[in-house]
């Protein structure tokens, strides 16, 4: 049984963050362990408040897990503040945690800022050089690369700039652009594209968390990064197709939970 660590925020709706990461990891056939970086009061309509976890306690959580369990991969989500980004970078190095997948959570789906400029700078300087792959959507890729993304050429330019920060692989998810959504991977000096039809329906909460967690699970089980990206896209597509409007806002992924009655 492979073990995958998620380092992320808590989502009270269960649709994203640590709660969703653990559900995805389980569904993908790995054992998930978790470190909580922030507590959020949120629901399907948005983030109402963020309560910060002390950085030192984040470090202690990582130490407790990594000293005991053989971690095969890690997924990073909401890191909340620059000091936590620094702590996580230091502990990834100290504990020799492999196969780090970074979901750069900069904005919530409702537009709430979840990472300030200082924290973004630290992420670029200290976390990405230790990462296997980073998985930004278009707005996140623009924030990390400084490139205005409008088409395939600008996606590739942004990916190359992010790769220049030291991360081994970059996936820019193209769902924010018009037309058929295309995910672009830069890996081993090659570009790969993963495309498919745009799925209909209201937005689904937590798709970035789902993608990065599924990717980390696939890598932990021995997939190559291109294989893992293809698998992660399939998992997200299934999550969108099976999502339900349980609240008043975005839909929630159910992952095979059967409706009774």
Protein backbone atom coordinates (compact mmCIF):
# COMPACT_ATOMS: atom_id res chain seq x y z
CA UNK A 1 0.00 0.00 0.00
CA UNK A 2 1.47 3.32 -1.11
CA UNK A 3 1.16 6.30 1.25
CA UNK A 4 0.50 9.82 -0.04
CA UNK A 5 0.69 12.91 2.15
CA UNK A 6 -1.59 15.89 1.59
CA UNK A 7 -0.54 19.24 3.07
CA UNK A 8 -3.49 21.58 2.67
CA UNK A 9 -6.28 23.54 4.28
CA UNK A 10 -9.48 22.16 5.78
CA UNK A 11 -12.74 22.77 3.89
CA UNK A 12 -15.88 22.59 6.04
CA UNK A 13 -17.99 21.74 2.98
CA UNK A 14 -15.88 18.65 2.29
CA UNK A 15 -15.68 19.60 -1.36
CA UNK A 16 -12.01 20.62 -1.47
CA UNK A 17 -8.93 20.77 0.72
CA UNK A 18 -7.78 17.98 2.99
CA UNK A 19 -11.22 16.38 3.14
CA UNK A 20 -11.48 16.00 -0.64
CA UNK A 21 -7.81 15.04 -1.01
CA UNK A 22 -8.25 12.08 1.35
CA UNK A 23 -11.38 10.90 -0.48
CA UNK A 24 -9.60 11.07 -3.84
CA UNK A 25 -6.51 9.28 -2.55
CA UNK A 26 -8.68 6.49 -1.16
CA UNK A 27 -10.60 6.23 -4.45
CA UNK A 28 -7.28 6.01 -6.33
CA UNK A 29 -6.08 3.08 -4.23
CA UNK A 30 -3.50 4.70 -1.95
CA UNK A 31 -3.49 5.46 1.77
CA UNK A 32 -3.79 9.18 2.50
CA UNK A 33 -2.27 10.97 5.46
CA UNK A 34 -2.72 14.67 6.11
CA UNK A 35 -1.25 17.88 7.49
CA UNK A 36 -3.64 20.80 8.01
CA UNK A 37 -2.27 24.27 7.24
CA UNK A 38 -5.40 26.37 7.79
CA UNK A 39 -8.99 26.02 8.93
CA UNK A 40 -11.63 27.58 6.73
CA UNK A 41 -15.26 28.38 7.35
CA UNK A 42 -16.66 27.80 3.88
CA UNK A 43 -19.48 26.22 1.96
CA UNK A 44 -20.51 25.80 -1.65
CA UNK A 45 -21.08 29.56 -1.91
CA UNK A 46 -17.64 30.71 -0.81
CA UNK A 47 -15.01 31.15 1.89
CA UNK A 48 -16.29 33.08 4.89
CA UNK A 49 -13.27 33.04 7.19
CA UNK A 50 -9.77 31.54 7.45
CA UNK A 51 -8.22 30.58 10.78
CA UNK A 52 -4.46 30.16 10.62
CA UNK A 53 -2.68 27.13 12.03
CA UNK A 54 0.58 28.11 13.79
CA UNK A 55 3.52 27.40 11.45
CA UNK A 56 5.36 25.49 14.15
CA UNK A 57 2.42 23.12 14.50
CA UNK A 58 2.41 22.55 10.75
CA UNK A 59 6.04 21.48 11.06
CA UNK A 60 5.18 19.16 13.95
CA UNK A 61 2.43 17.52 11.92
CA UNK A 62 4.82 16.85 9.04
CA UNK A 63 7.45 15.48 11.43
CA UNK A 64 4.99 13.16 13.15
CA UNK A 65 3.86 11.60 9.87
CA UNK A 66 7.22 11.48 8.09
CA UNK A 67 9.11 9.93 11.01
CA UNK A 68 6.74 6.99 11.07
CA UNK A 69 5.35 6.32 7.61
CA UNK A 70 7.10 5.74 4.25
CA UNK A 71 5.65 8.54 2.13
CA UNK A 72 5.68 7.77 -1.60
CA UNK A 73 4.39 11.16 -2.77
CA UNK A 74 3.00 14.41 -1.44
CA UNK A 75 0.33 16.83 -2.65
CA UNK A 76 0.52 20.47 -1.55
CA UNK A 77 -2.60 22.61 -1.57
CA UNK A 78 -3.52 25.71 0.42
CA UNK A 79 -0.44 26.90 2.33
CA UNK A 80 -2.02 30.19 3.48
CA UNK A 81 1.00 32.31 4.48
CA UNK A 82 4.67 32.83 3.67
CA UNK A 83 5.95 31.34 6.94
CA UNK A 84 4.04 28.12 6.34
CA UNK A 85 5.39 27.94 2.79
CA UNK A 86 8.91 28.28 4.24
CA UNK A 87 8.25 25.61 6.87
CA UNK A 88 6.84 23.18 4.33
CA UNK A 89 9.78 23.70 1.97
CA UNK A 90 12.26 23.08 4.79
CA UNK A 91 10.48 19.95 5.98
CA UNK A 92 10.13 18.50 2.48
CA UNK A 93 13.92 18.73 2.23
CA UNK A 94 14.68 17.56 5.77
CA UNK A 95 12.37 14.55 5.57
CA UNK A 96 13.38 13.69 1.97
CA UNK A 97 9.75 13.55 0.85
CA UNK A 98 9.65 12.46 -2.82
CA UNK A 99 7.32 13.14 -5.73
CA UNK A 100 5.91 16.47 -4.58
CA UNK A 101 2.88 17.66 -6.56
CA UNK A 102 2.07 21.35 -6.03
CA UNK A 103 -1.46 22.65 -6.52
CA UNK A 104 -0.73 26.39 -6.19
CA UNK A 105 -3.88 27.48 -4.37
CA UNK A 106 -3.78 31.24 -4.85
CA UNK A 107 -7.49 32.06 -5.18
CA UNK A 108 -10.61 30.25 -4.02
CA UNK A 109 -13.25 29.53 -6.66
CA UNK A 110 -15.23 32.52 -5.36
CA UNK A 111 -12.19 34.79 -5.82
CA UNK A 112 -11.11 34.92 -2.17
CA UNK A 113 -7.30 35.40 -2.02
CA UNK A 114 -5.66 32.43 -0.31
CA UNK A 115 -1.98 33.28 -0.86
CA UNK A 116 -0.45 36.77 -0.80
CA UNK A 117 2.39 38.07 -2.98
CA UNK A 118 5.09 37.34 -0.40
CA UNK A 119 3.92 33.76 -0.02
CA UNK A 120 3.79 33.33 -3.81
CA UNK A 121 7.40 34.53 -4.01
CA UNK A 122 8.48 32.01 -1.37
CA UNK A 123 6.58 29.25 -3.17
CA UNK A 124 8.50 30.04 -6.35
CA UNK A 125 11.86 30.32 -4.62
CA UNK A 126 11.73 27.43 -2.16
CA UNK A 127 8.97 24.95 -2.99
CA UNK A 128 8.91 24.67 -6.77
CA UNK A 129 12.63 23.79 -7.06
CA UNK A 130 11.89 20.73 -4.87
CA UNK A 131 8.72 19.71 -6.70
CA UNK A 132 8.08 17.01 -9.26
CA UNK A 133 5.22 18.88 -10.92
CA UNK A 134 3.11 22.01 -10.43
CA UNK A 135 -0.52 22.02 -11.60
CA UNK A 136 -1.81 25.61 -12.00
CA UNK A 137 -4.98 26.67 -13.74
CA UNK A 138 -4.74 29.67 -16.08
CA UNK A 139 -5.01 32.45 -13.43
CA UNK A 140 -2.51 30.64 -11.19
CA UNK A 141 -0.12 30.10 -14.12
CA UNK A 142 -0.31 33.82 -14.89
CA UNK A 143 0.51 34.69 -11.27
CA UNK A 144 3.47 32.29 -11.16
CA UNK A 145 4.91 33.07 -14.60
CA UNK A 146 4.01 36.70 -15.24
CA UNK A 147 2.67 35.70 -18.66
CA UNK A 148 -0.78 36.80 -19.85
CA UNK A 149 -2.36 33.59 -21.13
CA UNK A 150 -4.75 33.72 -24.07
CA UNK A 151 -3.84 30.79 -26.29
CA UNK A 152 -1.62 27.73 -26.76
CA UNK A 153 1.52 29.78 -27.44
CA UNK A 154 1.18 31.80 -24.23
CA UNK A 155 0.40 28.63 -22.23
CA UNK A 156 3.66 27.13 -23.46
CA UNK A 157 5.57 30.31 -22.68
CA UNK A 158 4.16 30.32 -19.14
CA UNK A 159 5.04 26.65 -18.69
CA UNK A 160 8.63 27.25 -19.79
CA UNK A 161 8.98 30.17 -17.38
CA UNK A 162 7.70 28.07 -14.49
CA UNK A 163 10.02 25.22 -15.46
CA UNK A 164 12.82 27.78 -15.26
CA UNK A 165 12.10 28.08 -11.54
CA UNK A 166 13.38 24.54 -11.06
CA UNK A 167 10.23 22.40 -11.00
CA UNK A 168 10.62 19.26 -13.10
CA UNK A 169 7.18 19.32 -14.69
CA UNK A 170 4.45 21.90 -15.32
CA UNK A 171 0.80 21.23 -16.15
CA UNK A 172 -1.27 24.27 -17.14
CA UNK A 173 -4.95 23.33 -16.98
CA UNK A 174 -6.81 25.09 -19.76
CA UNK A 175 -10.37 25.04 -18.48
CA UNK A 176 -10.50 28.82 -18.05
CA UNK A 177 -9.93 29.43 -21.76
CA UNK A 178 -12.79 29.32 -24.27
CA UNK A 179 -13.37 26.26 -26.42
CA UNK A 180 -12.36 22.68 -25.78
CA UNK A 181 -10.35 22.50 -22.53
CA UNK A 182 -6.76 21.40 -23.12
CA UNK A 183 -4.25 20.61 -20.36
CA UNK A 184 -0.65 21.28 -21.40
CA UNK A 185 2.22 19.39 -19.75
CA UNK A 186 5.87 20.36 -20.10
CA UNK A 187 7.98 17.39 -19.05
CA UNK A 188 11.47 16.18 -19.99
CA UNK A 189 11.82 19.01 -22.52
CA UNK A 190 8.65 17.98 -24.35
CA UNK A 191 5.10 19.29 -24.51
CA UNK A 192 2.14 16.95 -24.11
CA UNK A 193 -1.50 17.91 -24.56
CA UNK A 194 -4.53 16.27 -22.99
CA UNK A 195 -7.86 17.31 -24.47
CA UNK A 196 -11.51 16.38 -24.27
CA UNK A 197 -14.97 17.88 -24.55
CA UNK A 198 -16.08 20.56 -22.13
CA UNK A 199 -18.49 18.95 -19.67
CA UNK A 200 -21.82 20.68 -19.15
CA UNK A 201 -23.31 21.78 -15.86
CA UNK A 202 -22.71 24.21 -13.02
CA UNK A 203 -19.16 24.60 -11.66
CA UNK A 204 -17.83 21.87 -9.39
CA UNK A 205 -16.02 22.69 -6.16
CA UNK A 206 -12.47 21.42 -5.63
CA UNK A 207 -11.49 20.22 -9.10
CA UNK A 208 -7.93 21.50 -8.63
CA UNK A 209 -7.58 19.46 -5.43
CA UNK A 210 -9.01 16.42 -7.17
CA UNK A 211 -6.60 16.70 -10.11
CA UNK A 212 -3.45 17.14 -8.02
CA UNK A 213 -4.39 14.37 -5.57
CA UNK A 214 -5.14 11.92 -8.36
CA UNK A 215 -1.86 12.82 -10.05
CA UNK A 216 0.09 12.27 -6.81
CA UNK A 217 -1.63 8.93 -6.27
CA UNK A 218 -0.78 7.75 -9.77
CA UNK A 219 2.88 8.76 -9.42
CA UNK A 220 3.07 7.02 -6.03
CA UNK A 221 1.85 3.83 -7.71
CA UNK A 222 4.57 4.03 -10.36
CA UNK A 223 3.03 5.95 -13.25
CA UNK A 224 5.14 8.32 -15.30
CA UNK A 225 4.17 11.98 -15.09
CA UNK A 226 2.45 11.99 -18.53
CA UNK A 227 0.55 8.83 -17.54
CA UNK A 228 -0.38 10.39 -14.20
CA UNK A 229 -1.67 13.55 -15.91
CA UNK A 230 -3.88 11.51 -18.20
CA UNK A 231 -5.23 9.55 -15.25
CA UNK A 232 -5.83 12.71 -13.20
CA UNK A 233 -7.83 14.24 -16.05
CA UNK A 234 -10.00 11.12 -16.20
CA UNK A 235 -10.63 11.29 -12.46
CA UNK A 236 -11.65 14.96 -12.69
CA UNK A 237 -13.97 14.24 -15.62
CA UNK A 238 -15.66 11.50 -13.62
CA UNK A 239 -15.97 13.81 -10.63
CA UNK A 240 -17.63 16.51 -12.74
CA UNK A 241 -20.00 14.07 -14.41
CA UNK A 242 -21.07 12.64 -11.05
CA UNK A 243 -21.25 15.90 -9.09
CA UNK A 244 -24.43 16.99 -7.36
CA UNK A 245 -25.96 20.30 -6.25
CA UNK A 246 -26.17 19.56 -2.54
CA UNK A 247 -25.91 23.21 -1.47
CA UNK A 248 -26.85 26.59 -2.87
CA UNK A 249 -23.61 27.21 -4.77
CA UNK A 250 -21.09 25.08 -6.67
CA UNK A 251 -21.72 21.36 -7.12
CA UNK A 252 -19.88 18.79 -5.00
CA UNK A 253 -18.07 15.69 -6.29
CA UNK A 254 -19.52 12.49 -4.83
CA UNK A 255 -17.00 9.83 -5.90
CA UNK A 256 -19.42 6.95 -6.21
CA UNK A 257 -21.59 7.71 -3.20
CA UNK A 258 -24.97 6.20 -4.08
CA UNK A 259 -28.10 8.19 -3.39
CA UNK A 260 -30.52 6.23 -1.21
CA UNK A 261 -34.29 6.12 -1.53
